[in-house]
Amino acid sequence: MSGQVDLNRILKQFNIQTDIDNYGNGHINDTYLTQTKNYILQRINTNVFKDPGQLMDNIEKVTEFLRKKIELNGGDPDRETLSVVKTDDGNNYYKYDDDNYFRVYKFINDTKTIECVTDPIDMYNAGKGFGKFQALLSDFPAEQLQETIVDFHNTPKRLEALKKAIDEDKKGRCRSVRPEIEFALERSKMTETVVNGLKDGSIPVRVTHNDTKINNILFDNVTGEAVCVIDLDTVMPGSMLYDFGDALRIGASTAAEDETNLDIVNFSTESFKCFTKGYTEEMAKLLTKREIDLLAFSAKLLTFECGIRFLTDYLEGDTYFKIHREHHNLDRARNQFKLVTEIEGKEDELEQIAKEMIGCV
């Protein structure tokens, strides 16, 4: 896609003059790194994010708030949060044409991302990173943020979409996945827990990241400690349970998200413990009793939500998630459902671990 636009012309709008190369492996936005290694250029995916202005306003509000907090705490705001670079006319993004919108961040040097957890200390550091991010934003007025993807973690609506896909059965695939459909429908009631809690006020609305994969944190090259939370496109109002649960969905799994050998797909209690320890060291005093009670449940809920999304896409003909083989989305759904079963078998133990971690802070 880079051949469709003049990247150097775009950089000049941000008063940057240097050559640029492809960078990273994100699935949503096209990303480039200047050869001087001090700026990241991204094309905003307008198929996913329909209003780039709204998206960037959210990011600017959050990062400016974080910068002030980090400075007050004696930290380095140029390193500990994303820095949005403005265009020459003061905008936080550049519209190249109706289909192409671009933004620029300062590149954060001497950091790395982690794609696959191999050491429990990485989960501890990730927990610290995401916990600190939410703690710093604990007094940010969440109502100032717009929903960049409406109902992104509205699990009941995800279930409604699955039921619709079952009723329509566009590709005639339902007959071959009856066990998976029954697995999902048997757990319908749990989908309402967090959404209803947000509605009745028993679960507080917070500023949440909503895509807390471990590769959305930059870690220090030397110490391994979390430096900066990145990929803020889905920062919006929600529950911290979304962030906590989604981080563990991938981080505590012993296998890749699309692993087909379900015998090696397990939920690591040790990874859960390490992440929870790091997270609660930053957030324990800010959590309500209801949030604490649902920490282990959130890992099950977010894993289940992702599983039904994969199953829905499979039934609809693989129109949303990229696939690289036949039945790829079905493989992903089965993988996530295996993790749900694993968490269900350990839920009492995980709840006890979470409460012990809170008690140690």
Protein backbone atom coordinates (compact mmCIF):
# COMPACT_ATOMS: atom_id res chain seq x y z
CA MET A 1 0.00 0.00 0.00
CA SER A 2 2.94 2.35 0.51
CA GLY A 3 3.22 2.81 -3.26
CA GLN A 4 -0.14 4.52 -3.30
CA VAL A 5 1.07 7.54 -1.35
CA ASP A 6 4.16 9.74 -1.21
CA LEU A 7 5.55 9.07 2.27
CA ASN A 8 8.17 11.80 2.02
CA ARG A 9 5.48 14.35 1.22
CA ILE A 10 3.57 13.17 4.29
CA LEU A 11 6.63 13.47 6.53
CA LYS A 12 7.18 17.03 5.35
CA GLN A 13 3.75 17.92 6.75
CA PHE A 14 5.21 17.03 10.15
CA ASN A 15 8.42 18.98 9.39
CA ILE A 16 10.42 15.74 9.08
CA GLN A 17 12.87 15.21 6.25
CA THR A 18 14.38 11.73 6.12
CA ASP A 19 13.93 8.39 4.39
CA ILE A 20 11.59 5.83 5.88
CA ASP A 21 11.21 2.02 6.06
CA ASN A 22 8.48 -0.46 7.00
CA TYR A 23 8.42 -1.34 10.69
CA GLY A 24 6.70 -3.80 13.00
CA ASN A 25 4.05 -6.43 12.39
CA GLY A 26 0.78 -4.80 13.45
CA HIS A 27 -2.45 -6.20 12.06
CA ILE A 28 -4.42 -2.94 11.89
CA ASN A 29 -2.29 0.07 10.92
CA ASP A 30 0.62 0.31 8.46
CA THR A 31 3.72 1.39 10.39
CA TYR A 32 7.01 2.94 9.24
CA LEU A 33 10.19 4.01 11.04
CA THR A 34 12.33 6.91 9.84
CA GLN A 35 15.89 5.91 9.01
CA THR A 36 17.07 8.38 11.63
CA LYS A 37 15.18 6.14 14.10
CA ASN A 38 13.46 8.97 15.91
CA TYR A 39 9.94 8.97 14.45
CA ILE A 40 7.19 6.41 13.80
CA LEU A 41 4.77 7.11 10.96
CA GLN A 42 1.46 5.24 10.89
CA ARG A 43 -1.35 5.04 8.39
CA ILE A 44 -4.62 4.90 10.36
CA ASN A 45 -6.85 2.03 9.26
CA THR A 46 -10.11 3.80 8.44
CA ASN A 47 -11.87 0.49 7.78
CA VAL A 48 -11.61 -0.17 11.50
CA PHE A 49 -11.52 3.40 12.83
CA LYS A 50 -14.16 5.36 10.95
CA ASP A 51 -13.38 8.75 12.52
CA PRO A 52 -9.59 9.43 12.61
CA GLY A 53 -10.14 12.85 14.17
CA GLN A 54 -12.06 11.37 17.08
CA LEU A 55 -9.46 8.63 17.45
CA MET A 56 -6.55 11.07 17.59
CA ASP A 57 -8.37 13.44 19.95
CA ASN A 58 -8.75 10.53 22.40
CA ILE A 59 -5.06 9.69 22.11
CA GLU A 60 -3.94 13.30 22.49
CA LYS A 61 -6.10 13.84 25.58
CA VAL A 62 -4.80 10.69 27.24
CA THR A 63 -1.12 11.18 26.38
CA GLU A 64 -1.12 14.83 27.46
CA PHE A 65 -2.70 13.82 30.77
CA LEU A 66 -0.12 11.07 31.20
CA ARG A 67 2.75 13.42 30.42
CA LYS A 68 1.72 15.74 33.24
CA LYS A 69 1.34 12.87 35.71
CA ILE A 70 4.68 11.36 34.75
CA GLU A 71 6.44 14.72 35.16
CA LEU A 72 4.86 15.21 38.58
CA ASN A 73 6.14 11.78 39.58
CA GLY A 74 9.67 12.65 38.44
CA GLY A 75 9.58 10.39 35.38
CA ASP A 76 10.48 10.94 31.74
CA PRO A 77 7.34 11.70 29.72
CA ASP A 78 9.19 11.35 26.41
CA ARG A 79 9.94 7.74 27.34
CA GLU A 80 7.03 6.65 29.50
CA THR A 81 4.16 7.60 27.20
CA LEU A 82 3.63 8.12 23.50
CA SER A 83 4.43 11.60 22.17
CA VAL A 84 2.12 12.77 19.39
CA VAL A 85 3.92 14.91 16.78
CA LYS A 86 1.80 17.71 15.29
CA THR A 87 1.72 18.82 11.68
CA ASP A 88 2.99 22.25 10.72
CA ASP A 89 -0.57 23.59 11.01
CA GLY A 90 -1.03 22.10 14.50
CA ASN A 91 -3.13 19.03 13.72
CA ASN A 92 -2.55 15.68 15.40
CA TYR A 93 -2.91 13.79 12.10
CA TYR A 94 -2.58 14.49 8.37
CA LYS A 95 -5.26 13.76 5.81
CA TYR A 96 -3.50 12.77 2.58
CA ASP A 97 -6.75 12.06 0.75
CA ASP A 98 -10.17 10.60 1.60
CA ASP A 99 -8.69 7.12 2.09
CA ASN A 100 -5.35 7.88 3.75
CA TYR A 101 -4.82 9.44 7.17
CA PHE A 102 -1.43 9.50 8.89
CA ARG A 103 0.00 10.26 12.32
CA VAL A 104 3.49 10.51 13.78
CA TYR A 105 4.87 9.52 17.18
CA LYS A 106 8.35 10.02 18.59
CA PHE A 107 10.25 6.74 18.54
CA ILE A 108 11.22 5.40 21.97
CA ASN A 109 14.77 4.06 21.80
CA ASP A 110 16.43 1.25 23.75
CA THR A 111 13.19 -0.67 24.12
CA LYS A 112 11.80 -3.94 22.80
CA THR A 113 8.49 -5.71 22.40
CA ILE A 114 7.75 -9.28 23.45
CA GLU A 115 5.64 -11.41 21.14
CA CYS A 116 5.61 -14.63 23.15
CA VAL A 117 6.04 -15.02 26.91
CA THR A 118 8.85 -17.42 27.79
CA ASP A 119 9.78 -16.10 31.25
CA PRO A 120 7.26 -15.45 34.07
CA ILE A 121 9.13 -12.22 34.91
CA ASP A 122 7.83 -10.83 31.63
CA MET A 123 4.27 -11.32 32.88
CA TYR A 124 5.13 -9.60 36.15
CA ASN A 125 6.60 -6.63 34.28
CA ALA A 126 3.63 -6.54 31.92
CA GLY A 127 1.28 -6.49 34.90
CA LYS A 128 3.25 -3.59 36.37
CA GLY A 129 3.10 -1.75 33.06
CA PHE A 130 -0.62 -2.07 32.49
CA GLY A 131 -1.36 -1.49 36.16
CA LYS A 132 0.67 1.72 36.21
CA PHE A 133 -1.04 2.89 33.02
CA GLN A 134 -4.46 2.54 34.61
CA ALA A 135 -3.34 3.96 37.94
CA LEU A 136 -2.02 7.10 36.27
CA LEU A 137 -5.33 7.50 34.44
CA SER A 138 -7.49 6.71 37.48
CA ASP A 139 -8.62 10.33 37.85
CA PHE A 140 -8.95 11.07 34.14
CA PRO A 141 -12.62 11.85 33.34
CA ALA A 142 -13.52 8.85 31.19
CA GLU A 143 -16.61 10.62 29.83
CA GLN A 144 -14.30 12.88 27.82
CA LEU A 145 -13.34 9.94 25.60
CA GLN A 146 -15.32 8.66 22.63
CA GLU A 147 -15.87 5.00 21.76
CA THR A 148 -13.54 4.41 18.83
CA ILE A 149 -15.11 0.98 18.27
CA VAL A 150 -18.64 0.90 19.66
CA ASP A 151 -19.45 -2.09 21.91
CA PHE A 152 -15.95 -3.47 21.46
CA HIS A 153 -16.09 -5.52 24.70
CA ASN A 154 -19.88 -5.74 24.98
CA THR A 155 -19.92 -9.51 25.40
CA PRO A 156 -23.74 -9.89 25.25
CA LYS A 157 -23.73 -8.18 21.86
CA ARG A 158 -20.92 -10.46 20.71
CA LEU A 159 -23.14 -13.37 21.72
CA GLU A 160 -26.09 -11.87 19.83
CA ALA A 161 -23.90 -11.68 16.73
CA LEU A 162 -23.04 -15.36 17.14
CA LYS A 163 -26.72 -16.32 17.45
CA LYS A 164 -27.49 -14.33 14.31
CA ALA A 165 -24.68 -16.11 12.46
CA ILE A 166 -26.10 -19.46 13.62
CA ASP A 167 -29.61 -18.56 12.47
CA GLU A 168 -28.42 -17.39 9.05
CA ASP A 169 -25.77 -20.12 8.56
CA LYS A 170 -24.58 -18.37 5.39
CA LYS A 171 -21.89 -20.92 4.57
CA GLY A 172 -23.67 -24.04 5.81
CA ARG A 173 -21.06 -24.63 8.49
CA CYS A 174 -23.23 -24.95 11.59
CA ARG A 175 -23.78 -28.69 11.30
CA SER A 176 -20.04 -29.38 11.51
CA VAL A 177 -19.49 -27.21 14.62
CA ARG A 178 -22.37 -28.24 16.87
CA PRO A 179 -20.09 -28.93 19.89
CA GLU A 180 -18.57 -25.45 19.64
CA ILE A 181 -22.00 -23.82 19.29
CA GLU A 182 -23.33 -25.72 22.30
CA PHE A 183 -20.24 -24.78 24.31
CA ALA A 184 -20.88 -21.10 23.61
CA LEU A 185 -24.63 -21.11 24.21
CA GLU A 186 -24.29 -23.03 27.49
CA ARG A 187 -22.27 -20.10 28.86
CA SER A 188 -24.61 -17.33 27.68
CA LYS A 189 -25.49 -16.04 31.13
CA MET A 190 -21.95 -15.11 32.14
CA THR A 191 -21.66 -12.64 29.26
CA GLU A 192 -23.83 -10.12 31.12
CA THR A 193 -21.78 -9.87 34.32
CA VAL A 194 -19.48 -6.93 33.52
CA VAL A 195 -21.83 -5.05 31.18
CA ASN A 196 -24.59 -5.12 33.80
CA GLY A 197 -22.13 -4.08 36.50
CA LEU A 198 -21.11 -1.05 34.47
CA LYS A 199 -24.78 -0.16 33.96
CA ASP A 200 -25.80 -0.39 37.62
CA GLY A 201 -22.60 1.21 38.93
CA SER A 202 -21.33 -1.81 40.87
CA ILE A 203 -18.33 -1.84 38.53
CA PRO A 204 -16.75 1.61 37.98
CA VAL A 205 -16.25 3.04 34.50
CA ARG A 206 -12.54 3.68 33.99
CA VAL A 207 -10.21 4.69 31.18
CA THR A 208 -9.23 1.36 29.66
CA HIS A 209 -6.80 0.28 26.94
CA ASN A 210 -8.97 -2.57 25.62
CA ASP A 211 -6.20 -4.37 23.71
CA THR A 212 -3.73 -5.45 26.38
CA LYS A 213 -1.65 -7.96 24.46
CA ILE A 214 1.86 -8.14 25.88
CA ASN A 215 3.27 -6.80 22.60
CA ASN A 216 1.47 -3.52 23.30
CA ILE A 217 4.08 -2.68 25.93
CA LEU A 218 7.62 -1.48 25.31
CA PHE A 219 10.15 -3.05 27.69
CA ASP A 220 13.58 -1.69 28.57
CA ASN A 221 16.32 -3.47 26.61
CA VAL A 222 18.52 -3.83 29.69
CA THR A 223 16.28 -4.16 32.75
CA GLY A 224 13.29 -5.80 31.07
CA GLU A 225 10.98 -3.48 32.98
CA ALA A 226 7.87 -2.05 31.32
CA VAL A 227 8.56 1.41 29.92
CA CYS A 228 5.54 2.51 27.91
CA VAL A 229 2.08 1.23 26.95
CA ILE A 230 1.52 1.67 23.21
CA ASP A 231 -1.25 1.17 20.61
CA LEU A 232 -3.77 3.52 22.20
CA ASP A 233 -6.33 3.33 19.39
CA THR A 234 -8.88 1.55 21.56
CA VAL A 235 -8.43 3.69 24.68
CA MET A 236 -11.97 4.54 25.77
CA PRO A 237 -14.36 4.19 28.71
CA GLY A 238 -14.78 0.64 30.03
CA SER A 239 -13.96 -1.71 32.87
CA MET A 240 -10.47 -2.53 34.10
CA LEU A 241 -11.65 -6.14 33.97
CA TYR A 242 -11.48 -5.93 30.19
CA ASP A 243 -7.79 -5.03 30.33
CA PHE A 244 -6.91 -7.49 33.08
CA GLY A 245 -8.71 -10.40 31.45
CA ASP A 246 -7.52 -9.75 27.92
CA ALA A 247 -3.88 -9.53 28.99
CA LEU A 248 -4.15 -12.99 30.53
CA ARG A 249 -6.06 -14.47 27.60
CA ILE A 250 -2.85 -14.49 25.58
CA GLY A 251 -0.15 -13.97 28.20
CA ALA A 252 -1.14 -16.94 30.37
CA SER A 253 -1.75 -19.34 27.49
CA THR A 254 0.93 -21.96 26.98
CA ALA A 255 0.43 -22.00 23.21
CA ALA A 256 -0.23 -19.71 20.27
CA GLU A 257 -3.75 -18.41 19.74
CA ASP A 258 -4.25 -20.64 16.69
CA GLU A 259 -2.51 -23.80 17.98
CA THR A 260 -4.46 -26.85 16.80
CA ASN A 261 -2.94 -29.37 19.23
CA LEU A 262 -5.26 -28.60 22.12
CA ASP A 263 -3.32 -30.92 24.43
CA ILE A 264 -0.65 -28.23 24.73
CA VAL A 265 -3.12 -25.34 25.14
CA ASN A 266 -3.20 -24.69 28.87
CA PHE A 267 -3.75 -21.73 31.19
CA SER A 268 -0.64 -21.07 33.26
CA THR A 269 -1.36 -20.48 36.93
CA GLU A 270 2.19 -19.17 37.35
CA SER A 271 1.71 -16.58 34.61
CA PHE A 272 -1.58 -15.52 36.20
CA LYS A 273 0.13 -15.14 39.57
CA CYS A 274 3.03 -13.11 38.15
CA PHE A 275 0.81 -10.77 36.14
CA THR A 276 -1.59 -10.28 39.04
CA LYS A 277 1.30 -9.51 41.39
CA GLY A 278 2.66 -6.82 39.09
CA TYR A 279 -0.76 -5.36 38.33
CA THR A 280 -1.96 -5.20 41.91
CA GLU A 281 1.26 -3.58 43.11
CA GLU A 282 0.15 -0.60 41.04
CA MET A 283 -3.65 -0.82 41.28
CA ALA A 284 -4.60 -2.59 44.53
CA LYS A 285 -5.61 0.55 46.42
CA LEU A 286 -7.78 1.72 43.53
CA LEU A 287 -9.75 -1.48 42.96
CA THR A 288 -13.23 -2.02 44.38
CA LYS A 289 -14.23 -5.26 46.10
CA ARG A 290 -16.40 -6.19 43.13
CA GLU A 291 -13.47 -5.76 40.74
CA ILE A 292 -11.24 -7.87 42.98
CA ASP A 293 -13.87 -10.61 43.14
CA LEU A 294 -14.03 -10.74 39.33
CA LEU A 295 -10.32 -10.72 38.46
CA ALA A 296 -10.13 -14.45 37.74
CA PHE A 297 -13.55 -14.40 36.10
CA SER A 298 -12.39 -11.65 33.74
CA ALA A 299 -9.74 -13.93 32.27
CA LYS A 300 -12.46 -16.47 31.49
CA LEU A 301 -14.88 -13.86 30.14
CA LEU A 302 -12.44 -12.17 27.78
CA THR A 303 -11.16 -15.51 26.51
CA PHE A 304 -14.73 -16.67 25.93
CA GLU A 305 -15.59 -13.39 24.17
CA CYS A 306 -12.70 -13.80 21.78
CA GLY A 307 -13.65 -17.41 21.15
CA ILE A 308 -17.20 -16.55 20.15
CA ARG A 309 -15.91 -13.79 17.90
CA PHE A 310 -13.71 -16.31 16.07
CA LEU A 311 -16.62 -18.75 15.82
CA THR A 312 -18.95 -16.04 14.54
CA ASP A 313 -16.47 -15.04 11.85
CA TYR A 314 -16.05 -18.67 10.80
CA LEU A 315 -19.81 -19.10 10.41
CA GLU A 316 -20.06 -15.85 8.45
CA GLY A 317 -17.35 -16.90 6.00
CA ASP A 318 -14.18 -15.45 7.52
CA THR A 319 -14.89 -11.81 6.72
CA TYR A 320 -13.25 -10.02 9.67
CA PHE A 321 -10.14 -11.80 10.97
CA LYS A 322 -7.35 -12.55 8.52
CA ILE A 323 -6.98 -16.27 7.87
CA HIS A 324 -3.97 -18.15 6.53
CA ARG A 325 -5.46 -21.61 6.14
CA GLU A 326 -8.79 -23.38 5.85
CA HIS A 327 -10.74 -23.44 9.14
CA HIS A 328 -8.28 -20.98 10.70
CA ASN A 329 -10.98 -19.12 12.65
CA LEU A 330 -12.51 -22.39 13.81
CA ASP A 331 -9.09 -23.48 15.06
CA ARG A 332 -8.80 -20.20 16.95
CA ALA A 333 -12.27 -20.62 18.48
CA ARG A 334 -11.49 -24.15 19.65
CA ASN A 335 -8.22 -22.91 21.10
CA GLN A 336 -9.95 -20.18 23.11
CA PHE A 337 -12.69 -22.53 24.28
CA LYS A 338 -10.04 -24.96 25.54
CA LEU A 339 -8.57 -22.11 27.60
CA VAL A 340 -12.02 -21.28 28.98
CA THR A 341 -12.34 -24.88 30.13
CA GLU A 342 -8.89 -24.66 31.72
CA ILE A 343 -9.79 -21.47 33.59
CA GLU A 344 -13.09 -22.95 34.77
CA GLY A 345 -11.19 -25.84 36.32
CA LYS A 346 -8.84 -23.45 38.15
CA GLU A 347 -11.17 -20.55 38.91
CA ASP A 348 -11.34 -21.04 42.69
CA GLU A 349 -7.55 -21.30 42.86
CA LEU A 350 -7.10 -18.21 40.68
CA GLU A 351 -9.54 -16.22 42.81
CA GLN A 352 -7.57 -17.15 45.92
CA ILE A 353 -4.29 -16.13 44.27
CA ALA A 354 -5.75 -12.73 43.30
CA LYS A 355 -6.96 -12.05 46.84
CA GLU A 356 -3.60 -13.09 48.27
CA MET A 357 -1.81 -10.73 45.88
CA ILE A 358 -4.09 -7.89 46.94
CA GLY A 359 -3.47 -8.70 50.59
CA CYS A 360 0.30 -8.54 50.12
CA VAL A 361 0.24 -4.96 48.83
